[in-house]
Amino acid sequence: MREQEAFEFSVIEQVSSRAPISFDELAALFKSHTWNRLFAATDRLSREGALAIRRVDRGTYLISLGPRFSRRAHDPRAVSPRLSA
């Protein structure tokens, strides 16, 4: 796994366990990384559907898991199209 992929996986893990979380709270969890790196990762992950970013008020954004990780996608009762005959 590339370093950037590992970093993005860590971001998803943190958001998953704390969602919704503000960007500032998320940045506090990644103090050893630059703000720019974290912003770029959250931006890219939101464009892919892994994260959802919602503006709460001026300068405050909440981050949660995006549509790629919807409840239906992880519901074991949901029938996978590959498994249905």
N, C-alpha and C. Protein backbone atom coordinates (compact mmCIF):
# COMPACT_ATOMS: atom_id res chain seq x y z
N MET A 1 0.86 -1.18 0.00
CA MET A 1 0.00 0.00 0.00
C MET A 1 0.90 1.24 0.00
N ARG A 2 0.62 2.14 -0.91
CA ARG A 2 1.39 3.38 -0.98
C ARG A 2 1.15 4.22 0.27
N GLU A 3 2.07 5.14 0.53
CA GLU A 3 1.97 6.00 1.72
C GLU A 3 0.70 6.84 1.69
N GLN A 4 0.36 7.41 0.54
CA GLN A 4 -0.84 8.23 0.43
C GLN A 4 -2.10 7.40 0.66
N GLU A 5 -2.14 6.20 0.12
CA GLU A 5 -3.29 5.32 0.33
C GLU A 5 -3.42 4.96 1.81
N ALA A 6 -2.31 4.70 2.46
CA ALA A 6 -2.32 4.38 3.89
C ALA A 6 -2.83 5.58 4.70
N PHE A 7 -2.41 6.77 4.32
CA PHE A 7 -2.86 7.98 5.01
C PHE A 7 -4.38 8.16 4.82
N GLU A 8 -4.85 8.00 3.61
CA GLU A 8 -6.28 8.15 3.34
C GLU A 8 -7.10 7.08 4.06
N PHE A 9 -6.57 5.87 4.15
CA PHE A 9 -7.24 4.82 4.91
C PHE A 9 -7.34 5.21 6.38
N SER A 10 -6.28 5.82 6.92
CA SER A 10 -6.30 6.29 8.32
C SER A 10 -7.35 7.37 8.52
N VAL A 11 -7.48 8.26 7.55
CA VAL A 11 -8.49 9.32 7.63
C VAL A 11 -9.89 8.68 7.67
N ILE A 12 -10.13 7.73 6.79
CA ILE A 12 -11.44 7.06 6.76
C ILE A 12 -11.71 6.34 8.09
N GLU A 13 -10.70 5.68 8.63
CA GLU A 13 -10.86 4.99 9.92
C GLU A 13 -11.24 5.96 11.03
N GLN A 14 -10.57 7.10 11.08
CA GLN A 14 -10.85 8.09 12.12
C GLN A 14 -12.25 8.67 11.96
N VAL A 15 -12.62 8.99 10.74
CA VAL A 15 -13.96 9.53 10.50
C VAL A 15 -15.02 8.48 10.83
N SER A 16 -14.77 7.25 10.46
CA SER A 16 -15.72 6.18 10.71
C SER A 16 -15.99 6.00 12.20
N SER A 17 -14.97 6.13 13.01
CA SER A 17 -15.14 5.90 14.45
C SER A 17 -15.64 7.14 15.20
N ARG A 18 -15.61 8.33 14.57
CA ARG A 18 -15.98 9.56 15.27
C ARG A 18 -17.04 10.39 14.57
N ALA A 19 -17.54 9.95 13.46
CA ALA A 19 -18.44 10.76 12.62
C ALA A 19 -19.72 11.13 13.35
N PRO A 20 -20.23 12.32 13.12
CA PRO A 20 -19.58 13.38 12.34
C PRO A 20 -18.49 14.05 13.16
N ILE A 21 -17.45 14.48 12.48
CA ILE A 21 -16.31 15.13 13.11
C ILE A 21 -15.99 16.39 12.33
N SER A 22 -15.64 17.44 13.04
CA SER A 22 -15.28 18.68 12.34
C SER A 22 -13.89 18.53 11.73
N PHE A 23 -13.62 19.33 10.72
CA PHE A 23 -12.30 19.28 10.10
C PHE A 23 -11.23 19.64 11.11
N ASP A 24 -11.50 20.61 11.98
CA ASP A 24 -10.51 21.01 12.99
C ASP A 24 -10.21 19.86 13.96
N GLU A 25 -11.25 19.11 14.35
CA GLU A 25 -11.04 17.96 15.22
C GLU A 25 -10.23 16.88 14.51
N LEU A 26 -10.52 16.68 13.24
CA LEU A 26 -9.78 15.71 12.46
C LEU A 26 -8.32 16.14 12.33
N ALA A 27 -8.09 17.42 12.09
CA ALA A 27 -6.72 17.93 11.98
C ALA A 27 -5.95 17.73 13.29
N ALA A 28 -6.64 17.85 14.41
CA ALA A 28 -5.98 17.63 15.71
C ALA A 28 -5.53 16.18 15.87
N LEU A 29 -6.22 15.25 15.23
CA LEU A 29 -5.84 13.84 15.28
C LEU A 29 -4.63 13.53 14.39
N PHE A 30 -4.38 14.40 13.43
CA PHE A 30 -3.28 14.19 12.48
C PHE A 30 -2.25 15.32 12.59
N LYS A 31 -1.83 15.62 13.80
CA LYS A 31 -0.89 16.72 14.04
C LYS A 31 0.45 16.53 13.34
N SER A 32 0.83 15.28 13.09
CA SER A 32 2.13 15.05 12.46
C SER A 32 2.09 15.27 10.94
N HIS A 33 0.91 15.56 10.41
CA HIS A 33 0.75 15.82 8.98
C HIS A 33 0.35 17.28 8.78
N THR A 34 0.64 17.81 7.62
CA THR A 34 0.29 19.21 7.36
C THR A 34 -1.21 19.34 7.11
N TRP A 35 -1.70 20.55 7.37
CA TRP A 35 -3.10 20.87 7.10
C TRP A 35 -3.40 20.65 5.62
N ASN A 36 -2.46 21.06 4.76
CA ASN A 36 -2.66 20.90 3.31
C ASN A 36 -2.81 19.45 2.91
N ARG A 37 -2.01 18.57 3.49
CA ARG A 37 -2.11 17.14 3.14
C ARG A 37 -3.47 16.58 3.57
N LEU A 38 -3.90 16.93 4.77
CA LEU A 38 -5.19 16.45 5.26
C LEU A 38 -6.33 17.01 4.41
N PHE A 39 -6.26 18.29 4.08
CA PHE A 39 -7.30 18.90 3.26
C PHE A 39 -7.37 18.22 1.89
N ALA A 40 -6.22 18.00 1.28
CA ALA A 40 -6.18 17.35 -0.04
C ALA A 40 -6.77 15.94 0.02
N ALA A 41 -6.45 15.22 1.08
CA ALA A 41 -6.96 13.85 1.23
C ALA A 41 -8.48 13.85 1.43
N THR A 42 -8.99 14.73 2.29
CA THR A 42 -10.43 14.77 2.52
C THR A 42 -11.17 15.24 1.27
N ASP A 43 -10.58 16.16 0.54
CA ASP A 43 -11.18 16.63 -0.70
C ASP A 43 -11.27 15.49 -1.72
N ARG A 44 -10.18 14.77 -1.90
CA ARG A 44 -10.16 13.67 -2.85
C ARG A 44 -11.12 12.56 -2.44
N LEU A 45 -11.14 12.22 -1.15
CA LEU A 45 -12.03 11.17 -0.67
C LEU A 45 -13.50 11.57 -0.79
N SER A 46 -13.78 12.86 -0.63
CA SER A 46 -15.17 13.30 -0.79
C SER A 46 -15.59 13.25 -2.26
N ARG A 47 -14.69 13.56 -3.15
CA ARG A 47 -15.00 13.48 -4.59
C ARG A 47 -15.22 12.05 -5.04
N GLU A 48 -14.58 11.09 -4.35
CA GLU A 48 -14.75 9.67 -4.66
C GLU A 48 -16.00 9.08 -3.99
N GLY A 49 -16.60 9.83 -3.07
CA GLY A 49 -17.78 9.33 -2.37
C GLY A 49 -17.47 8.61 -1.07
N ALA A 50 -16.20 8.57 -0.68
CA ALA A 50 -15.83 7.90 0.57
C ALA A 50 -16.17 8.76 1.78
N LEU A 51 -16.09 10.08 1.63
CA LEU A 51 -16.42 11.01 2.71
C LEU A 51 -17.48 11.99 2.23
N ALA A 52 -18.26 12.48 3.17
CA ALA A 52 -19.23 13.54 2.90
C ALA A 52 -18.84 14.74 3.76
N ILE A 53 -18.81 15.90 3.16
CA ILE A 53 -18.45 17.13 3.88
C ILE A 53 -19.65 18.06 3.85
N ARG A 54 -20.05 18.50 5.03
CA ARG A 54 -21.23 19.36 5.14
C ARG A 54 -20.85 20.63 5.89
N ARG A 55 -21.19 21.77 5.30
CA ARG A 55 -20.92 23.04 5.95
C ARG A 55 -22.01 23.31 6.99
N VAL A 56 -21.58 23.55 8.23
CA VAL A 56 -22.51 23.80 9.33
C VAL A 56 -22.73 25.29 9.49
N ASP A 57 -21.67 26.04 9.52
CA ASP A 57 -21.73 27.50 9.55
C ASP A 57 -20.43 28.03 8.97
N ARG A 58 -20.26 29.30 9.04
CA ARG A 58 -19.08 29.91 8.42
C ARG A 58 -17.80 29.34 9.02
N GLY A 59 -17.06 28.62 8.20
CA GLY A 59 -15.78 28.09 8.62
C GLY A 59 -15.84 26.77 9.37
N THR A 60 -17.02 26.20 9.55
CA THR A 60 -17.15 24.92 10.25
C THR A 60 -17.73 23.88 9.30
N TYR A 61 -17.00 22.81 9.13
CA TYR A 61 -17.42 21.72 8.26
C TYR A 61 -17.40 20.41 9.03
N LEU A 62 -18.46 19.63 8.86
CA LEU A 62 -18.53 18.31 9.48
C LEU A 62 -18.27 17.25 8.43
N ILE A 63 -17.49 16.27 8.81
CA ILE A 63 -17.11 15.19 7.90
C ILE A 63 -17.69 13.89 8.42
N SER A 64 -18.27 13.13 7.52
CA SER A 64 -18.80 11.81 7.86
C SER A 64 -18.53 10.89 6.68
N LEU A 65 -18.88 9.62 6.84
CA LEU A 65 -18.69 8.68 5.74
C LEU A 65 -19.63 9.05 4.61
N GLY A 66 -19.17 8.90 3.40
CA GLY A 66 -19.94 9.27 2.23
C GLY A 66 -20.78 8.13 1.70
N PRO A 67 -21.41 8.35 0.55
CA PRO A 67 -22.31 7.36 -0.03
C PRO A 67 -21.63 6.04 -0.38
N ARG A 68 -20.35 6.06 -0.60
CA ARG A 68 -19.63 4.82 -0.91
C ARG A 68 -19.70 3.85 0.27
N PHE A 69 -19.88 4.39 1.47
CA PHE A 69 -19.98 3.57 2.67
C PHE A 69 -21.37 3.65 3.27
N SER A 70 -22.36 3.65 2.41
CA SER A 70 -23.74 3.76 2.90
C SER A 70 -24.10 2.53 3.72
N ARG A 71 -25.11 2.66 4.52
CA ARG A 71 -25.56 1.56 5.38
C ARG A 71 -25.95 0.35 4.53
N ARG A 72 -26.58 0.59 3.41
CA ARG A 72 -27.01 -0.51 2.54
C ARG A 72 -25.82 -1.30 2.02
N ALA A 73 -24.73 -0.63 1.74
CA ALA A 73 -23.55 -1.32 1.22
C ALA A 73 -22.96 -2.28 2.25
N HIS A 74 -23.19 -2.01 3.55
CA HIS A 74 -22.63 -2.85 4.60
C HIS A 74 -23.69 -3.70 5.28
N ASP A 75 -24.90 -3.67 4.79
CA ASP A 75 -25.99 -4.44 5.39
C ASP A 75 -25.88 -5.88 4.90
N PRO A 76 -25.60 -6.84 5.80
CA PRO A 76 -25.46 -8.22 5.35
C PRO A 76 -26.75 -8.81 4.79
N ARG A 77 -27.88 -8.17 5.07
CA ARG A 77 -29.16 -8.65 4.53
C ARG A 77 -29.36 -8.21 3.09
N ALA A 78 -28.59 -7.21 2.66
CA ALA A 78 -28.72 -6.73 1.28
C ALA A 78 -28.16 -7.80 0.33
N VAL A 79 -28.87 -8.05 -0.73
CA VAL A 79 -28.44 -9.07 -1.68
C VAL A 79 -27.46 -8.47 -2.65
N SER A 80 -26.33 -9.12 -2.77
CA SER A 80 -25.32 -8.67 -3.71
C SER A 80 -25.73 -9.07 -5.12
N PRO A 81 -25.65 -8.16 -6.10
CA PRO A 81 -26.02 -8.51 -7.47
C PRO A 81 -25.18 -9.65 -8.03
N ARG A 82 -23.96 -9.80 -7.56
CA ARG A 82 -23.09 -10.86 -8.06
C ARG A 82 -23.53 -12.23 -7.55
N LEU A 83 -24.19 -12.27 -6.40
CA LEU A 83 -24.57 -13.54 -5.81
C LEU A 83 -25.97 -13.99 -6.22
N SER A 84 -26.78 -13.06 -6.70
CA SER A 84 -28.14 -13.44 -7.07
C SER A 84 -28.15 -14.15 -8.41
N ALA A 85 -29.07 -15.10 -8.53
CA ALA A 85 -29.11 -15.89 -9.78
C ALA A 85 -30.12 -15.33 -10.74
